[in-house]
Each structure stands twice: as C-alpha cells, then as structure tokens.
C-alpha atoms as a PDB file:
ATOM      1  CA  UNK A   1     -29.154  27.308  11.859  1.00  0.00           C
ATOM      2  CA  UNK A   2     -28.412  26.050  15.351  1.00  0.00           C
ATOM      3  CA  UNK A   3     -26.276  22.991  16.288  1.00  0.00           C
ATOM      4  CA  UNK A   4     -26.934  21.455  19.715  1.00  0.00           C
ATOM      5  CA  UNK A   5     -24.137  19.383  21.281  1.00  0.00           C
ATOM      6  CA  UNK A   6     -24.788  16.847  24.046  1.00  0.00           C
ATOM      7  CA  UNK A   7     -22.126  15.929  26.566  1.00  0.00           C
ATOM      8  CA  UNK A   8     -22.249  12.318  25.260  1.00  0.00           C
ATOM      9  CA  UNK A   9     -24.017  10.349  22.621  1.00  0.00           C
ATOM     10  CA  UNK A  10     -27.775  10.495  23.062  1.00  0.00           C
ATOM     11  CA  UNK A  11     -30.166   7.634  22.542  1.00  0.00           C
ATOM     12  CA  UNK A  12     -33.902   7.553  23.248  1.00  0.00           C
ATOM     13  CA  UNK A  13     -36.057  10.637  23.930  1.00  0.00           C
ATOM     14  CA  UNK A  14     -34.528  14.094  24.346  1.00  0.00           C
ATOM     15  CA  UNK A  15     -36.380  17.385  24.835  1.00  0.00           C
ATOM     16  CA  UNK A  16     -35.000  20.746  23.719  1.00  0.00           C
ATOM     17  CA  UNK A  17     -36.624  24.060  24.677  1.00  0.00           C
ATOM     18  CA  UNK A  18     -36.135  26.880  22.187  1.00  0.00           C
ATOM     19  CA  UNK A  19     -37.243  30.481  22.829  1.00  0.00           C
ATOM     20  CA  UNK A  20     -37.217  33.055  19.996  1.00  0.00           C
ATOM     21  CA  UNK A  21     -38.154  36.737  20.027  1.00  0.00           C
ATOM     22  CA  UNK A  22     -38.531  39.591  17.568  1.00  0.00           C
ATOM     23  CA  UNK A  23     -39.376  43.229  18.082  1.00  0.00           C
ATOM     24  CA  UNK A  24     -42.533  44.475  16.366  1.00  0.00           C
ATOM     25  CA  UNK A  25     -44.103  47.934  16.008  1.00  0.00           C
ATOM     26  CA  UNK A  26     -47.852  47.377  16.335  1.00  0.00           C
ATOM     27  CA  UNK A  27     -49.637  44.310  15.140  1.00  0.00           C
ATOM     28  CA  UNK A  28     -49.593  43.257  11.504  1.00  0.00           C
ATOM     29  CA  UNK A  29     -52.824  42.391   9.732  1.00  0.00           C
ATOM     30  CA  UNK A  30     -51.356  39.006   8.814  1.00  0.00           C
ATOM     31  CA  UNK A  31     -48.727  36.959  10.641  1.00  0.00           C
ATOM     32  CA  UNK A  32     -46.796  34.019   9.164  1.00  0.00           C
ATOM     33  CA  UNK A  33     -46.211  31.661  12.070  1.00  0.00           C
ATOM     34  CA  UNK A  34     -42.458  30.913  12.511  1.00  0.00           C
ATOM     35  CA  UNK A  35     -41.473  27.342  11.803  1.00  0.00           C
ATOM     36  CA  UNK A  36     -38.637  25.275  13.285  1.00  0.00           C
ATOM     37  CA  UNK A  37     -37.374  22.358  11.270  1.00  0.00           C
ATOM     38  CA  UNK A  38     -35.146  19.511  12.351  1.00  0.00           C
ATOM     39  CA  UNK A  39     -32.402  18.627   9.868  1.00  0.00           C
ATOM     40  CA  UNK A  40     -32.157  15.034   8.723  1.00  0.00           C
ATOM     41  CA  UNK A  41     -35.190  13.937  10.732  1.00  0.00           C
ATOM     42  CA  UNK A  42     -36.810  10.725   9.504  1.00  0.00           C
ATOM     43  CA  UNK A  43     -40.236  11.942  10.696  1.00  0.00           C
ATOM     44  CA  UNK A  44     -41.497  15.347  11.861  1.00  0.00           C
ATOM     45  CA  UNK A  45     -44.927  15.628  13.454  1.00  0.00           C
ATOM     46  CA  UNK A  46     -46.271  17.389  16.534  1.00  0.00           C
ATOM     47  CA  UNK A  47     -48.608  20.133  17.654  1.00  0.00           C
ATOM     48  CA  UNK A  48     -48.830  23.895  17.369  1.00  0.00           C
ATOM     49  CA  UNK A  49     -50.586  26.318  19.700  1.00  0.00           C
ATOM     50  CA  UNK A  50     -50.836  30.017  19.006  1.00  0.00           C
ATOM     51  CA  UNK A  51     -52.264  32.857  21.198  1.00  0.00           C
ATOM     52  CA  UNK A  52     -52.238  36.638  21.224  1.00  0.00           C
ATOM     53  CA  UNK A  53     -52.351  39.234  23.962  1.00  0.00           C
ATOM     54  CA  UNK A  54     -55.707  40.299  25.334  1.00  0.00           C
ATOM     55  CA  UNK A  55     -57.538  42.421  22.828  1.00  0.00           C
ATOM     56  CA  UNK A  56     -56.087  40.622  19.749  1.00  0.00           C
ATOM     57  CA  UNK A  57     -58.271  38.028  18.008  1.00  0.00           C
ATOM     58  CA  UNK A  58     -56.478  35.447  15.847  1.00  0.00           C
ATOM     59  CA  UNK A  59     -58.117  33.706  12.897  1.00  0.00           C
ATOM     60  CA  UNK A  60     -56.646  31.113  10.470  1.00  0.00           C
ATOM     61  CA  UNK A  61     -56.091  32.698   7.054  1.00  0.00           C
ATOM     62  CA  UNK A  62     -54.242  29.801   5.320  1.00  0.00           C
ATOM     63  CA  UNK A  63     -52.790  26.517   6.408  1.00  0.00           C
ATOM     64  CA  UNK A  64     -50.794  23.787   4.732  1.00  0.00           C
ATOM     65  CA  UNK A  65     -49.420  20.600   6.209  1.00  0.00           C
ATOM     66  CA  UNK A  66     -51.420  20.944   9.388  1.00  0.00           C
ATOM     67  CA  UNK A  67     -54.932  20.132  10.611  1.00  0.00           C
ATOM     68  CA  UNK A  68     -56.793  22.558  12.928  1.00  0.00           C
ATOM     69  CA  UNK A  69     -58.111  21.052  16.166  1.00  0.00           C
ATOM     70  CA  UNK A  70     -59.929  22.259  19.244  1.00  0.00           C
ATOM     71  CA  UNK A  71     -57.404  23.592  21.852  1.00  0.00           C
ATOM     72  CA  UNK A  72     -58.929  21.287  24.476  1.00  0.00           C
ATOM     73  CA  UNK A  73     -57.586  18.317  22.501  1.00  0.00           C
ATOM     74  CA  UNK A  74     -54.124  19.582  23.426  1.00  0.00           C
ATOM     75  CA  UNK A  75     -55.103  20.212  27.036  1.00  0.00           C
ATOM     76  CA  UNK A  76     -55.464  23.983  26.652  1.00  0.00           C
ATOM     77  CA  UNK A  77     -58.397  25.403  28.556  1.00  0.00           C
ATOM     78  CA  UNK A  78     -57.658  29.114  28.147  1.00  0.00           C
ATOM     79  CA  UNK A  79     -59.614  31.215  25.718  1.00  0.00           C
ATOM     80  CA  UNK A  80     -57.988  32.873  22.705  1.00  0.00           C
ATOM     81  CA  UNK A  81     -55.885  29.997  21.492  1.00  0.00           C
ATOM     82  CA  UNK A  82     -55.602  28.312  18.050  1.00  0.00           C
ATOM     83  CA  UNK A  83     -54.359  24.710  17.893  1.00  0.00           C
ATOM     84  CA  UNK A  84     -53.034  22.582  15.076  1.00  0.00           C
ATOM     85  CA  UNK A  85     -51.546  19.085  14.561  1.00  0.00           C
ATOM     86  CA  UNK A  86     -48.415  19.095  12.428  1.00  0.00           C
ATOM     87  CA  UNK A  87     -48.619  16.552   9.568  1.00  0.00           C
ATOM     88  CA  UNK A  88     -45.304  17.118   7.740  1.00  0.00           C
ATOM     89  CA  UNK A  89     -42.048  19.085   8.131  1.00  0.00           C
ATOM     90  CA  UNK A  90     -42.743  21.826   5.571  1.00  0.00           C
ATOM     91  CA  UNK A  91     -45.926  22.992   7.157  1.00  0.00           C
ATOM     92  CA  UNK A  92     -47.119  26.627   6.909  1.00  0.00           C
ATOM     93  CA  UNK A  93     -49.725  28.685   8.824  1.00  0.00           C
ATOM     94  CA  UNK A  94     -50.754  32.275   8.171  1.00  0.00           C
ATOM     95  CA  UNK A  95     -52.946  34.054  10.672  1.00  0.00           C
ATOM     96  CA  UNK A  96     -55.233  37.032  10.352  1.00  0.00           C
ATOM     97  CA  UNK A  97     -55.372  39.431  13.274  1.00  0.00           C
ATOM     98  CA  UNK A  98     -58.189  41.616  14.604  1.00  0.00           C
ATOM     99  CA  UNK A  99     -57.558  44.272  17.233  1.00  0.00           C
ATOM    100  CA  UNK A 100     -60.428  44.612  19.687  1.00  0.00           C
ATOM    101  CA  UNK A 101     -61.232  47.925  21.313  1.00  0.00           C
ATOM    102  CA  UNK A 102     -61.449  47.868  25.148  1.00  0.00           C
ATOM    103  CA  UNK A 103     -64.918  48.198  26.750  1.00  0.00           C
ATOM    104  CA  UNK A 104     -64.608  50.676  29.650  1.00  0.00           C
ATOM    105  CA  UNK A 105     -67.177  51.339  32.372  1.00  0.00           C
ATOM    106  CA  UNK A 106     -66.578  53.877  35.172  1.00  0.00           C
ATOM    107  CA  UNK A 107     -68.041  54.059  38.681  1.00  0.00           C
ATOM    108  CA  UNK A 108     -67.305  57.446  40.165  1.00  0.00           C
ATOM    109  CA  UNK A 109     -67.795  58.689  43.720  1.00  0.00           C
ATOM    110  CA  UNK A 110     -67.761  62.476  43.616  1.00  0.00           C
ATOM    111  CA  UNK A 111     -67.245  64.258  46.951  1.00  0.00           C
ATOM    112  CA  UNK A 112     -67.791  68.074  47.213  1.00  0.00           C
ATOM    113  CA  UNK A 113     -66.759  69.986  50.301  1.00  0.00           C
ATOM    114  CA  UNK A 114     -68.217  73.522  50.079  1.00  0.00           C
ATOM    115  CA  UNK A 115     -66.632  76.303  52.085  1.00  0.00           C
ATOM    116  CA  UNK A 116     -66.466  80.073  51.872  1.00  0.00           C
ATOM    117  CA  UNK A 117     -65.264  80.840  48.310  1.00  0.00           C
ATOM    118  CA  UNK A 118     -64.030  77.368  47.493  1.00  0.00           C
ATOM    119  CA  UNK A 119     -65.306  73.921  46.481  1.00  0.00           C
ATOM    120  CA  UNK A 120     -62.886  71.100  47.398  1.00  0.00           C
ATOM    121  CA  UNK A 121     -63.517  68.193  45.120  1.00  0.00           C
ATOM    122  CA  UNK A 122     -62.340  64.594  45.303  1.00  0.00           C
ATOM    123  CA  UNK A 123     -63.356  61.900  42.806  1.00  0.00           C
ATOM    124  CA  UNK A 124     -62.633  58.200  43.203  1.00  0.00           C
ATOM    125  CA  UNK A 125     -62.845  56.696  39.704  1.00  0.00           C
ATOM    126  CA  UNK A 126     -63.138  52.912  39.468  1.00  0.00           C
ATOM    127  CA  UNK A 127     -62.754  51.552  35.956  1.00  0.00           C
ATOM    128  CA  UNK A 128     -63.930  48.138  34.790  1.00  0.00           C
ATOM    129  CA  UNK A 129     -62.038  47.188  31.638  1.00  0.00           C
ATOM    130  CA  UNK A 130     -63.127  44.286  29.439  1.00  0.00           C
ATOM    131  CA  UNK A 131     -61.985  42.706  26.158  1.00  0.00           C
ATOM    132  CA  UNK A 132     -58.580  44.468  25.938  1.00  0.00           C
ATOM    133  CA  UNK A 133     -56.009  46.243  28.123  1.00  0.00           C
ATOM    134  CA  UNK A 134     -55.749  49.992  28.485  1.00  0.00           C
ATOM    135  CA  UNK A 135     -52.787  52.229  29.164  1.00  0.00           C
ATOM    136  CA  UNK A 136     -54.195  55.786  28.829  1.00  0.00           C
ATOM    137  CA  UNK A 137     -57.163  57.402  30.529  1.00  0.00           C
ATOM    138  CA  UNK A 138     -58.724  60.822  30.020  1.00  0.00           C
ATOM    139  CA  UNK A 139     -60.616  63.005  32.462  1.00  0.00           C
ATOM    140  CA  UNK A 140     -62.512  66.273  32.005  1.00  0.00           C
ATOM    141  CA  UNK A 141     -62.102  68.811  34.809  1.00  0.00           C
ATOM    142  CA  UNK A 142     -65.282  70.534  36.119  1.00  0.00           C
ATOM    143  CA  UNK A 143     -64.145  73.729  34.348  1.00  0.00           C
ATOM    144  CA  UNK A 144     -61.141  74.834  32.247  1.00  0.00           C
ATOM    145  CA  UNK A 145     -58.229  76.090  34.278  1.00  0.00           C
ATOM    146  CA  UNK A 146     -58.743  73.737  37.194  1.00  0.00           C
ATOM    147  CA  UNK A 147     -55.643  71.751  38.082  1.00  0.00           C
ATOM    148  CA  UNK A 148     -56.085  68.030  38.805  1.00  0.00           C
ATOM    149  CA  UNK A 149     -53.930  66.063  41.217  1.00  0.00           C
ATOM    150  CA  UNK A 150     -54.109  62.405  40.152  1.00  0.00           C
ATOM    151  CA  UNK A 151     -52.834  59.365  42.002  1.00  0.00           C
ATOM    152  CA  UNK A 152     -53.076  55.676  41.144  1.00  0.00           C
ATOM    153  CA  UNK A 153     -51.120  52.489  40.646  1.00  0.00           C
ATOM    154  CA  UNK A 154     -48.238  52.748  38.134  1.00  0.00           C
ATOM    155  CA  UNK A 155     -49.098  56.276  36.964  1.00  0.00           C
ATOM    156  CA  UNK A 156     -46.234  57.435  34.664  1.00  0.00           C
ATOM    157  CA  UNK A 157     -47.451  60.843  33.412  1.00  0.00           C
ATOM    158  CA  UNK A 158     -50.316  63.330  33.961  1.00  0.00           C
ATOM    159  CA  UNK A 159     -50.796  66.113  31.331  1.00  0.00           C
ATOM    160  CA  UNK A 160     -53.432  68.637  30.433  1.00  0.00           C
ATOM    161  CA  UNK A 161     -53.863  67.919  26.724  1.00  0.00           C
ATOM    162  CA  UNK A 162     -56.683  70.399  25.994  1.00  0.00           C
ATOM    163  CA  UNK A 163     -56.622  73.575  28.115  1.00  0.00           C
ATOM    164  CA  UNK A 164     -59.707  75.070  26.411  1.00  0.00           C
ATOM    165  CA  UNK A 165     -61.874  72.089  27.289  1.00  0.00           C
ATOM    166  CA  UNK A 166     -60.055  71.092  30.507  1.00  0.00           C
ATOM    167  CA  UNK A 167     -59.081  67.593  29.292  1.00  0.00           C
ATOM    168  CA  UNK A 168     -56.402  65.747  31.231  1.00  0.00           C
ATOM    169  CA  UNK A 169     -54.580  62.582  30.094  1.00  0.00           C
ATOM    170  CA  UNK A 170     -53.218  59.970  32.531  1.00  0.00           C
ATOM    171  CA  UNK A 171     -50.605  57.569  31.047  1.00  0.00           C
ATOM    172  CA  UNK A 172     -49.628  54.410  32.942  1.00  0.00           C
ATOM    173  CA  UNK A 173     -46.377  52.484  32.850  1.00  0.00           C
ATOM    174  CA  UNK A 174     -48.143  49.550  31.248  1.00  0.00           C
ATOM    175  CA  UNK A 175     -51.577  48.303  30.195  1.00  0.00           C
ATOM    176  CA  UNK A 176     -54.099  47.394  32.896  1.00  0.00           C
ATOM    177  CA  UNK A 177     -57.019  45.006  32.685  1.00  0.00           C
ATOM    178  CA  UNK A 178     -60.178  44.138  34.601  1.00  0.00           C
ATOM    179  CA  UNK A 179     -60.182  46.867  37.321  1.00  0.00           C
ATOM    180  CA  UNK A 180     -58.266  50.043  37.937  1.00  0.00           C
ATOM    181  CA  UNK A 181     -58.771  52.978  40.326  1.00  0.00           C
ATOM    182  CA  UNK A 182     -57.771  56.670  40.066  1.00  0.00           C
ATOM    183  CA  UNK A 183     -57.980  59.172  42.944  1.00  0.00           C
ATOM    184  CA  UNK A 184     -58.410  62.827  41.713  1.00  0.00           C
ATOM    185  CA  UNK A 185     -58.307  65.871  43.901  1.00  0.00           C
ATOM    186  CA  UNK A 186     -58.993  69.488  42.811  1.00  0.00           C
ATOM    187  CA  UNK A 187     -60.182  72.860  44.051  1.00  0.00           C
ATOM    188  CA  UNK A 188     -62.711  75.120  42.344  1.00  0.00           C
ATOM    189  CA  UNK A 189     -63.183  78.759  43.410  1.00  0.00           C
ATOM    190  CA  UNK A 190     -66.689  80.170  43.766  1.00  0.00           C
ATOM    191  CA  UNK A 191     -68.193  83.581  44.627  1.00  0.00           C
ATOM    192  CA  UNK A 192     -68.257  83.861  48.452  1.00  0.00           C
ATOM    193  CA  UNK A 193     -71.177  86.257  48.297  1.00  0.00           C
ATOM    194  CA  UNK A 194     -73.397  84.472  45.837  1.00  0.00           C
ATOM    195  CA  UNK A 195     -76.623  82.777  46.988  1.00  0.00           C
ATOM    196  CA  UNK A 196     -76.416  80.241  44.141  1.00  0.00           C
ATOM    197  CA  UNK A 197     -73.785  77.553  43.455  1.00  0.00           C
ATOM    198  CA  UNK A 198     -73.506  75.374  40.423  1.00  0.00           C
ATOM    199  CA  UNK A 199     -71.722  72.059  41.120  1.00  0.00           C
ATOM    200  CA  UNK A 200     -70.182  70.488  38.007  1.00  0.00           C
ATOM    201  CA  UNK A 201     -68.529  67.056  38.491  1.00  0.00           C
ATOM    202  CA  UNK A 202     -65.409  65.534  37.138  1.00  0.00           C
ATOM    203  CA  UNK A 203     -66.128  63.425  33.981  1.00  0.00           C
ATOM    204  CA  UNK A 204     -64.460  60.436  32.402  1.00  0.00           C
ATOM    205  CA  UNK A 205     -63.715  60.808  28.672  1.00  0.00           C
ATOM    206  CA  UNK A 206     -63.952  57.801  26.381  1.00  0.00           C
ATOM    207  CA  UNK A 207     -65.783  55.526  28.858  1.00  0.00           C
ATOM    208  CA  UNK A 208     -68.671  53.629  27.456  1.00  0.00           C
ATOM    209  CA  UNK A 209     -70.692  54.451  30.576  1.00  0.00           C
ATOM    210  CA  UNK A 210     -70.350  56.360  33.852  1.00  0.00           C
ATOM    211  CA  UNK A 211     -72.442  56.110  36.954  1.00  0.00           C
ATOM    212  CA  UNK A 212     -71.894  56.418  40.689  1.00  0.00           C
ATOM    213  CA  UNK A 213     -72.617  58.824  43.490  1.00  0.00           C
ATOM    214  CA  UNK A 214     -72.203  62.463  44.403  1.00  0.00           C
ATOM    215  CA  UNK A 215     -72.087  63.586  48.054  1.00  0.00           C
ATOM    216  CA  UNK A 216     -72.002  67.225  49.280  1.00  0.00           C
ATOM    217  CA  UNK A 217     -70.539  68.453  52.568  1.00  0.00           C
ATOM    218  CA  UNK A 218     -70.502  71.965  54.074  1.00  0.00           C
ATOM    219  CA  UNK A 219     -68.322  73.761  56.533  1.00  0.00           C
ATOM    220  CA  UNK A 220     -68.800  76.731  58.865  1.00  0.00           C
ATOM    221  CA  UNK A 221     -72.093  78.712  58.725  1.00  0.00           C
ATOM    222  CA  UNK A 222     -73.232  77.620  55.285  1.00  0.00           C
ATOM    223  CA  UNK A 223     -76.602  76.080  54.776  1.00  0.00           C
ATOM    224  CA  UNK A 224     -77.086  74.328  51.403  1.00  0.00           C
ATOM    225  CA  UNK A 225     -80.256  73.131  49.685  1.00  0.00           C
ATOM    226  CA  UNK A 226     -80.861  71.676  46.267  1.00  0.00           C
ATOM    227  CA  UNK A 227     -82.784  73.964  43.953  1.00  0.00           C
ATOM    228  CA  UNK A 228     -83.908  71.229  41.523  1.00  0.00           C
ATOM    229  CA  UNK A 229     -83.035  67.684  40.678  1.00  0.00           C
ATOM    230  CA  UNK A 230     -81.443  67.387  37.237  1.00  0.00           C
ATOM    231  CA  UNK A 231     -81.893  64.434  34.969  1.00  0.00           C
ATOM    232  CA  UNK A 232     -79.788  61.450  35.832  1.00  0.00           C
ATOM    233  CA  UNK A 233     -79.679  62.175  39.579  1.00  0.00           C
ATOM    234  CA  UNK A 234     -81.682  60.363  42.226  1.00  0.00           C
ATOM    235  CA  UNK A 235     -81.793  61.134  45.979  1.00  0.00           C
ATOM    236  CA  UNK A 236     -80.084  58.531  48.098  1.00  0.00           C
ATOM    237  CA  UNK A 237     -78.657  57.950  51.557  1.00  0.00           C
ATOM    238  CA  UNK A 238     -74.907  58.406  51.986  1.00  0.00           C
ATOM    239  CA  UNK A 239     -74.815  55.200  53.998  1.00  0.00           C
ATOM    240  CA  UNK A 240     -75.754  53.312  50.815  1.00  0.00           C
ATOM    241  CA  UNK A 241     -72.512  54.265  49.058  1.00  0.00           C
ATOM    242  CA  UNK A 242     -70.480  51.049  48.585  1.00  0.00           C
ATOM    243  CA  UNK A 243     -67.455  50.732  50.853  1.00  0.00           C
ATOM    244  CA  UNK A 244     -65.448  49.524  47.891  1.00  0.00           C
ATOM    245  CA  UNK A 245     -64.738  53.137  47.029  1.00  0.00           C
ATOM    246  CA  UNK A 246     -62.635  53.372  50.213  1.00  0.00           C
ATOM    247  CA  UNK A 247     -63.810  56.900  50.946  1.00  0.00           C
ATOM    248  CA  UNK A 248     -64.338  56.341  54.677  1.00  0.00           C
ATOM    249  CA  UNK A 249     -67.485  57.508  56.560  1.00  0.00           C
ATOM    250  CA  UNK A 250     -69.886  59.711  54.507  1.00  0.00           C
ATOM    251  CA  UNK A 251     -72.685  59.852  57.092  1.00  0.00           C
ATOM    252  CA  UNK A 252     -72.232  63.562  57.657  1.00  0.00           C
ATOM    253  CA  UNK A 253     -73.053  64.436  54.005  1.00  0.00           C
ATOM    254  CA  UNK A 254     -75.729  67.138  53.599  1.00  0.00           C
ATOM    255  CA  UNK A 255     -76.804  65.851  50.182  1.00  0.00           C
ATOM    256  CA  UNK A 256     -76.338  62.486  48.491  1.00  0.00           C
ATOM    257  CA  UNK A 257     -77.415  61.444  44.971  1.00  0.00           C
ATOM    258  CA  UNK A 258     -77.015  58.377  42.865  1.00  0.00           C
ATOM    259  CA  UNK A 259     -75.897  59.340  39.317  1.00  0.00           C
ATOM    260  CA  UNK A 260     -76.613  57.524  36.043  1.00  0.00           C
ATOM    261  CA  UNK A 261     -75.005  59.958  33.665  1.00  0.00           C
ATOM    262  CA  UNK A 262     -71.753  62.025  33.793  1.00  0.00           C
ATOM    263  CA  UNK A 263     -72.939  65.380  32.375  1.00  0.00           C
ATOM    264  CA  UNK A 264     -75.128  66.883  35.095  1.00  0.00           C
ATOM    265  CA  UNK A 265     -75.131  70.265  36.832  1.00  0.00           C
ATOM    266  CA  UNK A 266     -76.366  70.422  40.423  1.00  0.00           C
ATOM    267  CA  UNK A 267     -77.898  73.839  41.284  1.00  0.00           C
ATOM    268  CA  UNK A 268     -77.607  74.649  44.980  1.00  0.00           C
ATOM    269  CA  UNK A 269     -78.876  77.548  47.108  1.00  0.00           C
ATOM    270  CA  UNK A 270     -76.512  78.856  49.733  1.00  0.00           C
ATOM    271  CA  UNK A 271     -77.564  80.612  52.922  1.00  0.00           C
ATOM    272  CA  UNK A 272     -74.934  82.154  55.200  1.00  0.00           C
ATOM    273  CA  UNK A 273     -75.912  82.402  58.850  1.00  0.00           C
ATOM    274  CA  UNK A 274     -74.445  85.044  61.162  1.00  0.00           C
ATOM    275  CA  UNK A 275     -72.773  84.093  64.400  1.00  0.00           C
ATOM    276  CA  UNK A 276     -75.251  83.882  67.295  1.00  0.00           C
END
C-alpha cells in the first residue's frame, strides 16, 4: 500500500503518476496484468493499454470487469497495443504471449584482393531485421582456421564458436532492429605457384536469405580470369554496386558478379607474367 500526502487539502481533479517495475527472466507464456486500486473510492473507471517489446505478440486470454476496445479509440496509433475500458475496481486481465522469431536478410559486398600467396578479403554485411530485435549474429569464415576481424556498432564480443566449421559469433551490447552493418576483414593464404585459385566467400549463418556482390582485384604481375560461372553468380559492372555499402571506388575491379546465394565457389585461373 502507498499513502500519498498533499501539501494542503485537495479539491477537484488531481493526477498521480505511478511507475512500477519487476525483473523477469524471459517472457512467461501468460501474464496477469498488474492492477492498481484506489482505497475508499466511490467510483473507479478508466482505460488500460498494454504493449510488448518488438517480437512479442500479446493476445487476450481472459478478462473480467473490462471491455476490449480498438487502441485508436484511446488515441493510440502504434501497432502492437491492446486497449481496454475499465468498468469496475476489481477488474482482471490475463494475457497470452507469443514470441516471434526475427526475419533476417543479408546484403553482402565481398571484396577479394589477390596477391602472391595471399587473398585479402573484406566483407561488408548489411542486415535487414524485421519482426523482432536481434543481439547475436553468426558468420562462417571461407575456411576453418581463418581469423576474422569484425567491427560494427556496439559490438561487445567476437568468438569462434566452432573451429572445425569456422563459425564465428558476434554478440552486441543490446538488440538491434531494422538495419545493422558489420565490416569483416580476413586473410586467406594460397599457393603462390598454383595456376588455379578457388575463391570461397564469407557466409552469414542463420539469415533467411543472402545476396549481394563479389568483386575481385589483383596486384603485381598476376592476370586472373574466370574458369566458369557457378550457379547463383551473374556478371555485372563494378560501377553498379550500390554506394550504400560505403566501399569507395570499385572501378578498378578485374571481375564483378552479382550473387543470389551464399554458398558459391569461384574458380579462377592465375597467370604470372615475368618482368619485361
């Protein structure tokens, strides 16, 4: 119980704001809505509005002493609210909760810089997150044993959780919604004398879809050509890559492809020219 004292006797309308909080672990399947009662009140009516965080859907399980109305009748335009009119003091409302899984789509710009004995890779991963927030992302390195350097907004921890498969987990300080970008840099050794090179990209794990672009650059005396075009890759011009990736100028790229699937392998032939 709480007793509120005024500085002097009150007459007419008075408004009191009350904030309550309780720690919870997870989200219960059913929630009994807390009720505040006013002692010795002659009449007790009003309105009730309930909402959950993004990704939690609320449904009315039971109600007593209230009538459910459309949230717009209470001036609420946001989605995800339940609204009620209170009819008597001893009202009760029980809600049923449903947790929605996030829908994640990834646009990836994969840049490969091929030099003697080394492939320098950079992937700009742009996530589009709908329906619920997300705090943890997973990436698959091009091959096991490759170390990833990951940067992004509010990154708290980066760990390799599966060394055999090369799976890395990125944990953020809090959930993100709508759009989020990760910048990943890595190096992959290759045979400096081989005439063939297999380019395997970085992959997102758990995303509902992944598409984007892959661009290949060379350095020194290397001449690179594509052996064959795998499924899911389509030739494109590097100048068509959207500037929203923030990768700078890509006009010097030797090869550029638009990708519609994450699991491709690009076979390249490598010719080394002698100095003239």
